[in-house]
Amino acid sequence: MELAISPSALHVFRQDWGYGDGDSVRIFVRYVSGGPEPYGFGIMKDEPMDPAAVYRSDRLTFYIESKDIWFLDRNKLTVDERDGDIVFFVSQ
């Protein structure tokens, strides 16, 4: 499992979301609907308890807890920015 955050996503987290030096950002799995893709990703400022994947850049720490790693099934998660929005891409 690999976690990557694009430079443009880092910019959005700092400029639009107000995250600053030393902040930890948790990426987690959440139920979003009963449709064909019932799960998605959420983001919140939090402190790691049992991180399975960690990405550090520009004095920010991004992580996914062990309890949420099942959703990625050994794939790579890339957090990026498109038109000012944070988007998630899962790839092998």
PDB file of N, CA and C in Angstrom:
ATOM      1  N   MET A   1       0.847  -1.177   0.000  1.00  0.00           N
ATOM      2  CA  MET A   1       0.000   0.000   0.000  1.00  0.00           C
ATOM      3  C   MET A   1       0.887   1.232   0.000  1.00  0.00           C
ATOM      4  N   GLU A   2       0.588   2.135  -0.883  1.00  0.00           N
ATOM      5  CA  GLU A   2       1.351   3.377  -0.997  1.00  0.00           C
ATOM      6  C   GLU A   2       0.399   4.556  -0.977  1.00  0.00           C
ATOM      7  N   LEU A   3       0.838   5.632  -0.365  1.00  0.00           N
ATOM      8  CA  LEU A   3       0.064   6.864  -0.272  1.00  0.00           C
ATOM      9  C   LEU A   3       0.883   7.991  -0.884  1.00  0.00           C
ATOM     10  N   ALA A   4       0.262   8.774  -1.774  1.00  0.00           N
ATOM     11  CA  ALA A   4       0.948   9.909  -2.406  1.00  0.00           C
ATOM     12  C   ALA A   4       0.015  11.115  -2.406  1.00  0.00           C
ATOM     13  N   ILE A   5       0.590  12.287  -2.208  1.00  0.00           N
ATOM     14  CA  ILE A   5      -0.152  13.545  -2.222  1.00  0.00           C
ATOM     15  C   ILE A   5       0.508  14.446  -3.263  1.00  0.00           C
ATOM     16  N   SER A   6      -0.254  14.928  -4.229  1.00  0.00           N
ATOM     17  CA  SER A   6       0.323  15.764  -5.284  1.00  0.00           C
ATOM     18  C   SER A   6       0.651  17.159  -4.745  1.00  0.00           C
ATOM     19  N   PRO A   7       1.589  17.847  -5.397  1.00  0.00           N
ATOM     20  CA  PRO A   7       1.904  19.231  -4.995  1.00  0.00           C
ATOM     21  C   PRO A   7       0.680  20.150  -5.063  1.00  0.00           C
ATOM     22  N   SER A   8      -0.173  19.963  -6.062  1.00  0.00           N
ATOM     23  CA  SER A   8      -1.359  20.832  -6.157  1.00  0.00           C
ATOM     24  C   SER A   8      -2.345  20.542  -5.024  1.00  0.00           C
ATOM     25  N   ALA A   9      -2.453  19.282  -4.587  1.00  0.00           N
ATOM     26  CA  ALA A   9      -3.308  18.959  -3.436  1.00  0.00           C
ATOM     27  C   ALA A   9      -2.724  19.572  -2.164  1.00  0.00           C
ATOM     28  N   LEU A  10      -1.409  19.514  -2.005  1.00  0.00           N
ATOM     29  CA  LEU A  10      -0.769  20.151  -0.846  1.00  0.00           C
ATOM     30  C   LEU A  10      -1.102  21.633  -0.796  1.00  0.00           C
ATOM     31  N   HIS A  11      -1.076  22.273  -1.946  1.00  0.00           N
ATOM     32  CA  HIS A  11      -1.399  23.702  -2.021  1.00  0.00           C
ATOM     33  C   HIS A  11      -2.840  23.955  -1.552  1.00  0.00           C
ATOM     34  N   VAL A  12      -3.785  23.122  -1.995  1.00  0.00           N
ATOM     35  CA  VAL A  12      -5.183  23.277  -1.586  1.00  0.00           C
ATOM     36  C   VAL A  12      -5.329  23.066  -0.078  1.00  0.00           C
ATOM     37  N   PHE A  13      -4.673  22.057   0.459  1.00  0.00           N
ATOM     38  CA  PHE A  13      -4.761  21.814   1.897  1.00  0.00           C
ATOM     39  C   PHE A  13      -4.244  23.016   2.692  1.00  0.00           C
ATOM     40  N   ARG A  14      -3.184  23.630   2.228  1.00  0.00           N
ATOM     41  CA  ARG A  14      -2.613  24.782   2.946  1.00  0.00           C
ATOM     42  C   ARG A  14      -3.428  26.056   2.726  1.00  0.00           C
ATOM     43  N   GLN A  15      -3.732  26.360   1.484  1.00  0.00           N
ATOM     44  CA  GLN A  15      -4.353  27.646   1.160  1.00  0.00           C
ATOM     45  C   GLN A  15      -5.858  27.671   1.399  1.00  0.00           C
ATOM     46  N   ASP A  16      -6.555  26.622   0.997  1.00  0.00           N
ATOM     47  CA  ASP A  16      -8.019  26.630   1.078  1.00  0.00           C
ATOM     48  C   ASP A  16      -8.553  25.992   2.360  1.00  0.00           C
ATOM     49  N   TRP A  17      -7.873  24.959   2.832  1.00  0.00           N
ATOM     50  CA  TRP A  17      -8.356  24.229   4.001  1.00  0.00           C
ATOM     51  C   TRP A  17      -7.721  24.719   5.294  1.00  0.00           C
ATOM     52  N   GLY A  18      -6.669  25.515   5.197  1.00  0.00           N
ATOM     53  CA  GLY A  18      -6.052  26.102   6.386  1.00  0.00           C
ATOM     54  C   GLY A  18      -5.155  25.186   7.197  1.00  0.00           C
ATOM     55  N   TYR A  19      -4.732  24.064   6.629  1.00  0.00           N
ATOM     56  CA  TYR A  19      -3.792  23.194   7.343  1.00  0.00           C
ATOM     57  C   TYR A  19      -2.425  23.864   7.358  1.00  0.00           C
ATOM     58  N   GLY A  20      -1.701  23.690   8.480  1.00  0.00           N
ATOM     59  CA  GLY A  20      -0.413  24.346   8.630  1.00  0.00           C
ATOM     60  C   GLY A  20       0.685  23.405   9.083  1.00  0.00           C
ATOM     61  N   ASP A  21       1.868  23.972   9.257  1.00  0.00           N
ATOM     62  CA  ASP A  21       3.038  23.200   9.671  1.00  0.00           C
ATOM     63  C   ASP A  21       2.731  22.360  10.902  1.00  0.00           C
ATOM     64  N   GLY A  22       3.112  21.100  10.841  1.00  0.00           N
ATOM     65  CA  GLY A  22       2.945  20.201  11.971  1.00  0.00           C
ATOM     66  C   GLY A  22       1.596  19.504  12.046  1.00  0.00           C
ATOM     67  N   ASP A  23       0.648  19.868  11.173  1.00  0.00           N
ATOM     68  CA  ASP A  23      -0.661  19.217  11.203  1.00  0.00           C
ATOM     69  C   ASP A  23      -0.573  17.796  10.659  1.00  0.00           C
ATOM     70  N   SER A  24      -1.425  16.931  11.197  1.00  0.00           N
ATOM     71  CA  SER A  24      -1.586  15.565  10.704  1.00  0.00           C
ATOM     72  C   SER A  24      -2.974  15.445  10.098  1.00  0.00           C
ATOM     73  N   VAL A  25      -3.038  14.859   8.917  1.00  0.00           N
ATOM     74  CA  VAL A  25      -4.275  14.748   8.163  1.00  0.00           C
ATOM     75  C   VAL A  25      -4.600  13.271   7.970  1.00  0.00           C
ATOM     76  N   ARG A  26      -5.724  12.853   8.513  1.00  0.00           N
ATOM     77  CA  ARG A  26      -6.147  11.459   8.406  1.00  0.00           C
ATOM     78  C   ARG A  26      -7.035  11.278   7.187  1.00  0.00           C
ATOM     79  N   ILE A  27      -6.727  10.280   6.383  1.00  0.00           N
ATOM     80  CA  ILE A  27      -7.571   9.874   5.262  1.00  0.00           C
ATOM     81  C   ILE A  27      -8.241   8.582   5.697  1.00  0.00           C
ATOM     82  N   PHE A  28      -9.571   8.548   5.629  1.00  0.00           N
ATOM     83  CA  PHE A  28     -10.286   7.389   6.143  1.00  0.00           C
ATOM     84  C   PHE A  28     -11.375   6.947   5.176  1.00  0.00           C
ATOM     85  N   VAL A  29     -11.819   5.711   5.342  1.00  0.00           N
ATOM     86  CA  VAL A  29     -12.888   5.147   4.529  1.00  0.00           C
ATOM     87  C   VAL A  29     -14.211   5.443   5.211  1.00  0.00           C
ATOM     88  N   ARG A  30     -15.205   5.839   4.415  1.00  0.00           N
ATOM     89  CA  ARG A  30     -16.519   6.120   4.984  1.00  0.00           C
ATOM     90  C   ARG A  30     -17.600   5.631   4.032  1.00  0.00           C
ATOM     91  N   TYR A  31     -18.743   5.298   4.593  1.00  0.00           N
ATOM     92  CA  TYR A  31     -19.901   4.896   3.813  1.00  0.00           C
ATOM     93  C   TYR A  31     -20.521   6.151   3.219  1.00  0.00           C
ATOM     94  N   VAL A  32     -20.747   6.148   1.890  1.00  0.00           N
ATOM     95  CA  VAL A  32     -21.297   7.340   1.252  1.00  0.00           C
ATOM     96  C   VAL A  32     -22.662   7.116   0.608  1.00  0.00           C
ATOM     97  N   SER A  33     -22.990   5.858   0.218  1.00  0.00           N
ATOM     98  CA  SER A  33     -24.299   5.596  -0.397  1.00  0.00           C
ATOM     99  C   SER A  33     -24.513   4.101  -0.550  1.00  0.00           C
ATOM    100  N   GLY A  34     -25.681   3.730  -0.980  1.00  0.00           N
ATOM    101  CA  GLY A  34     -25.977   2.330  -1.233  1.00  0.00           C
ATOM    102  C   GLY A  34     -25.817   1.966  -2.695  1.00  0.00           C
ATOM    103  N   GLY A  35     -25.249   2.842  -3.495  1.00  0.00           N
ATOM    104  CA  GLY A  35     -25.102   2.621  -4.938  1.00  0.00           C
ATOM    105  C   GLY A  35     -23.955   1.697  -5.286  1.00  0.00           C
ATOM    106  N   PRO A  36     -23.486   1.778  -6.529  1.00  0.00           N
ATOM    107  CA  PRO A  36     -22.420   0.886  -6.993  1.00  0.00           C
ATOM    108  C   PRO A  36     -21.073   1.117  -6.295  1.00  0.00           C
ATOM    109  N   GLU A  37     -20.844   2.290  -5.797  1.00  0.00           N
ATOM    110  CA  GLU A  37     -19.628   2.614  -5.032  1.00  0.00           C
ATOM    111  C   GLU A  37     -20.057   3.091  -3.647  1.00  0.00           C
ATOM    112  N   PRO A  38     -20.357   2.174  -2.727  1.00  0.00           N
ATOM    113  CA  PRO A  38     -20.912   2.592  -1.436  1.00  0.00           C
ATOM    114  C   PRO A  38     -19.907   3.234  -0.477  1.00  0.00           C
ATOM    115  N   TYR A  39     -18.619   3.108  -0.773  1.00  0.00           N
ATOM    116  CA  TYR A  39     -17.605   3.672   0.115  1.00  0.00           C
ATOM    117  C   TYR A  39     -16.793   4.734  -0.615  1.00  0.00           C
ATOM    118  N   GLY A  40     -16.292   5.685   0.144  1.00  0.00           N
ATOM    119  CA  GLY A  40     -15.432   6.727  -0.386  1.00  0.00           C
ATOM    120  C   GLY A  40     -14.435   7.128   0.679  1.00  0.00           C
ATOM    121  N   PHE A  41     -13.721   8.189   0.427  1.00  0.00           N
ATOM    122  CA  PHE A  41     -12.705   8.656   1.365  1.00  0.00           C
ATOM    123  C   PHE A  41     -13.146   9.946   2.036  1.00  0.00           C
ATOM    124  N   GLY A  42     -12.756  10.098   3.276  1.00  0.00           N
ATOM    125  CA  GLY A  42     -12.959  11.321   4.019  1.00  0.00           C
ATOM    126  C   GLY A  42     -11.612  11.840   4.484  1.00  0.00           C
ATOM    127  N   ILE A  43     -11.585  13.098   4.879  1.00  0.00           N
ATOM    128  CA  ILE A  43     -10.351  13.741   5.334  1.00  0.00           C
ATOM    129  C   ILE A  43     -10.676  14.534   6.598  1.00  0.00           C
ATOM    130  N   MET A  44      -9.783  14.431   7.580  1.00  0.00           N
ATOM    131  CA  MET A  44      -9.944  15.238   8.792  1.00  0.00           C
ATOM    132  C   MET A  44      -8.588  15.440   9.463  1.00  0.00           C
ATOM    133  N   LYS A  45      -8.483  16.535  10.188  1.00  0.00           N
ATOM    134  CA  LYS A  45      -7.279  16.773  10.982  1.00  0.00           C
ATOM    135  C   LYS A  45      -7.382  15.893  12.226  1.00  0.00           C
ATOM    136  N   ASP A  46      -6.351  15.101  12.499  1.00  0.00           N
ATOM    137  CA  ASP A  46      -6.382  14.151  13.602  1.00  0.00           C
ATOM    138  C   ASP A  46      -4.948  13.741  13.916  1.00  0.00           C
ATOM    139  N   GLU A  47      -4.766  13.041  15.006  1.00  0.00           N
ATOM    140  CA  GLU A  47      -3.446  12.518  15.375  1.00  0.00           C
ATOM    141  C   GLU A  47      -3.411  11.012  15.149  1.00  0.00           C
ATOM    142  N   PRO A  48      -2.350  10.491  14.547  1.00  0.00           N
ATOM    143  CA  PRO A  48      -2.260   9.056  14.260  1.00  0.00           C
ATOM    144  C   PRO A  48      -2.287   8.205  15.527  1.00  0.00           C
ATOM    145  N   MET A  49      -2.985   7.062  15.420  1.00  0.00           N
ATOM    146  CA  MET A  49      -2.998   6.086  16.509  1.00  0.00           C
ATOM    147  C   MET A  49      -2.302   4.803  16.068  1.00  0.00           C
ATOM    148  N   ASP A  50      -2.660   4.291  14.880  1.00  0.00           N
ATOM    149  CA  ASP A  50      -2.083   3.060  14.346  1.00  0.00           C
ATOM    150  C   ASP A  50      -1.975   3.187  12.823  1.00  0.00           C
ATOM    151  N   PRO A  51      -1.096   4.082  12.343  1.00  0.00           N
ATOM    152  CA  PRO A  51      -1.028   4.333  10.900  1.00  0.00           C
ATOM    153  C   PRO A  51      -0.442   3.149  10.122  1.00  0.00           C
ATOM    154  N   ALA A  52      -1.075   2.836   8.995  1.00  0.00           N
ATOM    155  CA  ALA A  52      -0.590   1.779   8.106  1.00  0.00           C
ATOM    156  C   ALA A  52       0.195   2.371   6.939  1.00  0.00           C
ATOM    157  N   ALA A  53      -0.130   3.598   6.547  1.00  0.00           N
ATOM    158  CA  ALA A  53       0.571   4.287   5.468  1.00  0.00           C
ATOM    159  C   ALA A  53       0.710   5.752   5.865  1.00  0.00           C
ATOM    160  N   VAL A  54       1.900   6.289   5.628  1.00  0.00           N
ATOM    161  CA  VAL A  54       2.190   7.676   6.007  1.00  0.00           C
ATOM    162  C   VAL A  54       2.896   8.368   4.842  1.00  0.00           C
ATOM    163  N   TYR A  55       2.535   9.630   4.605  1.00  0.00           N
ATOM    164  CA  TYR A  55       3.199  10.461   3.611  1.00  0.00           C
ATOM    165  C   TYR A  55       3.482  11.807   4.263  1.00  0.00           C
ATOM    166  N   ARG A  56       4.748  12.213   4.238  1.00  0.00           N
ATOM    167  CA  ARG A  56       5.144  13.506   4.824  1.00  0.00           C
ATOM    168  C   ARG A  56       5.696  14.404   3.722  1.00  0.00           C
ATOM    169  N   SER A  57       5.185  15.639   3.701  1.00  0.00           N
ATOM    170  CA  SER A  57       5.665  16.603   2.724  1.00  0.00           C
ATOM    171  C   SER A  57       5.306  18.001   3.185  1.00  0.00           C
ATOM    172  N   ASP A  58       6.211  18.914   2.946  1.00  0.00           N
ATOM    173  CA  ASP A  58       5.949  20.323   3.218  1.00  0.00           C
ATOM    174  C   ASP A  58       5.450  20.544   4.653  1.00  0.00           C
ATOM    175  N   ARG A  59       6.044  19.798   5.608  1.00  0.00           N
ATOM    176  CA  ARG A  59       5.746  19.895   7.048  1.00  0.00           C
ATOM    177  C   ARG A  59       4.307  19.514   7.403  1.00  0.00           C
ATOM    178  N   LEU A  60       3.666  18.738   6.516  1.00  0.00           N
ATOM    179  CA  LEU A  60       2.354  18.146   6.792  1.00  0.00           C
ATOM    180  C   LEU A  60       2.501  16.628   6.766  1.00  0.00           C
ATOM    181  N   THR A  61       1.727  15.939   7.589  1.00  0.00           N
ATOM    182  CA  THR A  61       1.729  14.481   7.610  1.00  0.00           C
ATOM    183  C   THR A  61       0.345  13.985   7.227  1.00  0.00           C
ATOM    184  N   PHE A  62       0.286  13.105   6.245  1.00  0.00           N
ATOM    185  CA  PHE A  62      -0.948  12.462   5.811  1.00  0.00           C
ATOM    186  C   PHE A  62      -0.842  10.991   6.155  1.00  0.00           C
ATOM    187  N   TYR A  63      -1.930  10.389   6.589  1.00  0.00           N
ATOM    188  CA  TYR A  63      -1.851   8.982   6.972  1.00  0.00           C
ATOM    189  C   TYR A  63      -3.199   8.283   6.839  1.00  0.00           C
ATOM    190  N   ILE A  64      -3.120   6.949   6.761  1.00  0.00           N
ATOM    191  CA  ILE A  64      -4.288   6.081   6.767  1.00  0.00           C
ATOM    192  C   ILE A  64      -4.093   5.093   7.899  1.00  0.00           C
ATOM    193  N   GLU A  65      -5.087   4.987   8.767  1.00  0.00           N
ATOM    194  CA  GLU A  65      -5.017   4.054   9.886  1.00  0.00           C
ATOM    195  C   GLU A  65      -5.132   2.603   9.396  1.00  0.00           C
ATOM    196  N   SER A  66      -4.580   1.695  10.173  1.00  0.00           N
ATOM    197  CA  SER A  66      -4.619   0.269   9.843  1.00  0.00           C
ATOM    198  C   SER A  66      -6.035  -0.243   9.627  1.00  0.00           C
ATOM    199  N   LYS A  67      -6.997   0.264  10.386  1.00  0.00           N
ATOM    200  CA  LYS A  67      -8.380  -0.207  10.269  1.00  0.00           C
ATOM    201  C   LYS A  67      -9.038   0.175   8.944  1.00  0.00           C
ATOM    202  N   ASP A  68      -8.451   1.113   8.196  1.00  0.00           N
ATOM    203  CA  ASP A  68      -9.014   1.550   6.918  1.00  0.00           C
ATOM    204  C   ASP A  68      -8.258   1.025   5.704  1.00  0.00           C
ATOM    205  N   ILE A  69      -7.188   0.311   5.923  1.00  0.00           N
ATOM    206  CA  ILE A  69      -6.334  -0.126   4.818  1.00  0.00           C
ATOM    207  C   ILE A  69      -6.996  -1.196   3.954  1.00  0.00           C
ATOM    208  N   TRP A  70      -7.977  -1.916   4.496  1.00  0.00           N
ATOM    209  CA  TRP A  70      -8.667  -2.987   3.768  1.00  0.00           C
ATOM    210  C   TRP A  70      -9.246  -2.486   2.447  1.00  0.00           C
ATOM    211  N   PHE A  71      -9.685  -1.245   2.412  1.00  0.00           N
ATOM    212  CA  PHE A  71     -10.352  -0.708   1.240  1.00  0.00           C
ATOM    213  C   PHE A  71      -9.413  -0.590   0.034  1.00  0.00           C
ATOM    214  N   LEU A  72      -8.141  -0.424   0.281  1.00  0.00           N
ATOM    215  CA  LEU A  72      -7.179  -0.226  -0.804  1.00  0.00           C
ATOM    216  C   LEU A  72      -6.599  -1.528  -1.339  1.00  0.00           C
ATOM    217  N   ASP A  73      -6.676  -2.607  -0.576  1.00  0.00           N
ATOM    218  CA  ASP A  73      -6.248  -3.920  -1.038  1.00  0.00           C
ATOM    219  C   ASP A  73      -4.882  -3.877  -1.740  1.00  0.00           C
ATOM    220  N   ARG A  74      -3.902  -3.326  -1.066  1.00  0.00           N
ATOM    221  CA  ARG A  74      -2.503  -3.255  -1.543  1.00  0.00           C
ATOM    222  C   ARG A  74      -2.302  -2.349  -2.759  1.00  0.00           C
ATOM    223  N   ASN A  75      -3.235  -1.469  -3.039  1.00  0.00           N
ATOM    224  CA  ASN A  75      -3.104  -0.529  -4.154  1.00  0.00           C
ATOM    225  C   ASN A  75      -2.516   0.795  -3.680  1.00  0.00           C
ATOM    226  N   LYS A  76      -2.251   1.669  -4.627  1.00  0.00           N
ATOM    227  CA  LYS A  76      -1.720   2.999  -4.334  1.00  0.00           C
ATOM    228  C   LYS A  76      -2.871   4.001  -4.312  1.00  0.00           C
ATOM    229  N   LEU A  77      -2.887   4.842  -3.300  1.00  0.00           N
ATOM    230  CA  LEU A  77      -3.856   5.933  -3.222  1.00  0.00           C
ATOM    231  C   LEU A  77      -3.121   7.246  -3.485  1.00  0.00           C
ATOM    232  N   THR A  78      -3.564   7.973  -4.494  1.00  0.00           N
ATOM    233  CA  THR A  78      -3.022   9.291  -4.793  1.00  0.00           C
ATOM    234  C   THR A  78      -4.097  10.325  -4.521  1.00  0.00           C
ATOM    235  N   VAL A  79      -3.752  11.313  -3.717  1.00  0.00           N
ATOM    236  CA  VAL A  79      -4.649  12.430  -3.436  1.00  0.00           C
ATOM    237  C   VAL A  79      -4.184  13.576  -4.321  1.00  0.00           C
ATOM    238  N   ASP A  80      -5.113  14.117  -5.112  1.00  0.00           N
ATOM    239  CA  ASP A  80      -4.762  15.148  -6.087  1.00  0.00           C
ATOM    240  C   ASP A  80      -5.794  16.267  -6.023  1.00  0.00           C
ATOM    241  N   GLU A  81      -5.634  17.237  -6.896  1.00  0.00           N
ATOM    242  CA  GLU A  81      -6.545  18.389  -6.974  1.00  0.00           C
ATOM    243  C   GLU A  81      -7.012  18.520  -8.412  1.00  0.00           C
ATOM    244  N   ARG A  82      -8.311  18.725  -8.582  1.00  0.00           N
ATOM    245  CA  ARG A  82      -8.897  18.990  -9.894  1.00  0.00           C
ATOM    246  C   ARG A  82      -9.898  20.129  -9.734  1.00  0.00           C
ATOM    247  N   ASP A  83      -9.637  21.220 -10.439  1.00  0.00           N
ATOM    248  CA  ASP A  83     -10.536  22.382 -10.403  1.00  0.00           C
ATOM    249  C   ASP A  83     -10.815  22.868  -8.980  1.00  0.00           C
ATOM    250  N   GLY A  84      -9.805  22.814  -8.122  1.00  0.00           N
ATOM    251  CA  GLY A  84      -9.924  23.291  -6.754  1.00  0.00           C
ATOM    252  C   GLY A  84     -10.472  22.283  -5.767  1.00  0.00           C
ATOM    253  N   ASP A  85     -10.884  21.112  -6.251  1.00  0.00           N
ATOM    254  CA  ASP A  85     -11.421  20.069  -5.382  1.00  0.00           C
ATOM    255  C   ASP A  85     -10.374  18.985  -5.127  1.00  0.00           C
ATOM    256  N   ILE A  86     -10.411  18.384  -3.956  1.00  0.00           N
ATOM    257  CA  ILE A  86      -9.556  17.254  -3.643  1.00  0.00           C
ATOM    258  C   ILE A  86     -10.197  15.998  -4.227  1.00  0.00           C
ATOM    259  N   VAL A  87      -9.402  15.217  -4.965  1.00  0.00           N
ATOM    260  CA  VAL A  87      -9.883  13.975  -5.581  1.00  0.00           C
ATOM    261  C   VAL A  87      -8.948  12.840  -5.207  1.00  0.00           C
ATOM    262  N   PHE A  88      -9.468  11.620  -5.252  1.00  0.00           N
ATOM    263  CA  PHE A  88      -8.727  10.426  -4.869  1.00  0.00           C
ATOM    264  C   PHE A  88      -8.651   9.478  -6.071  1.00  0.00           C
ATOM    265  N   PHE A  89      -7.453   8.916  -6.288  1.00  0.00           N
ATOM    266  CA  PHE A  89      -7.246   7.935  -7.361  1.00  0.00           C
ATOM    267  C   PHE A  89      -6.602   6.696  -6.756  1.00  0.00           C
ATOM    268  N   VAL A  90      -7.221   5.552  -7.002  1.00  0.00           N
ATOM    269  CA  VAL A  90      -6.657   4.278  -6.561  1.00  0.00           C
ATOM    270  C   VAL A  90      -6.121   3.566  -7.781  1.00  0.00           C
ATOM    271  N   SER A  91      -4.867   3.126  -7.709  1.00  0.00           N
ATOM    272  CA  SER A  91      -4.232   2.430  -8.828  1.00  0.00           C
ATOM    273  C   SER A  91      -3.346   1.306  -8.290  1.00  0.00           C
ATOM    274  N   GLN A  92      -2.982   0.414  -9.195  1.00  0.00           N
ATOM    275  CA  GLN A  92      -2.110  -0.695  -8.796  1.00  0.00           C
ATOM    276  C   GLN A  92      -0.663  -0.297  -8.889  1.00  0.00           C
TER     277      GLN A  92
END
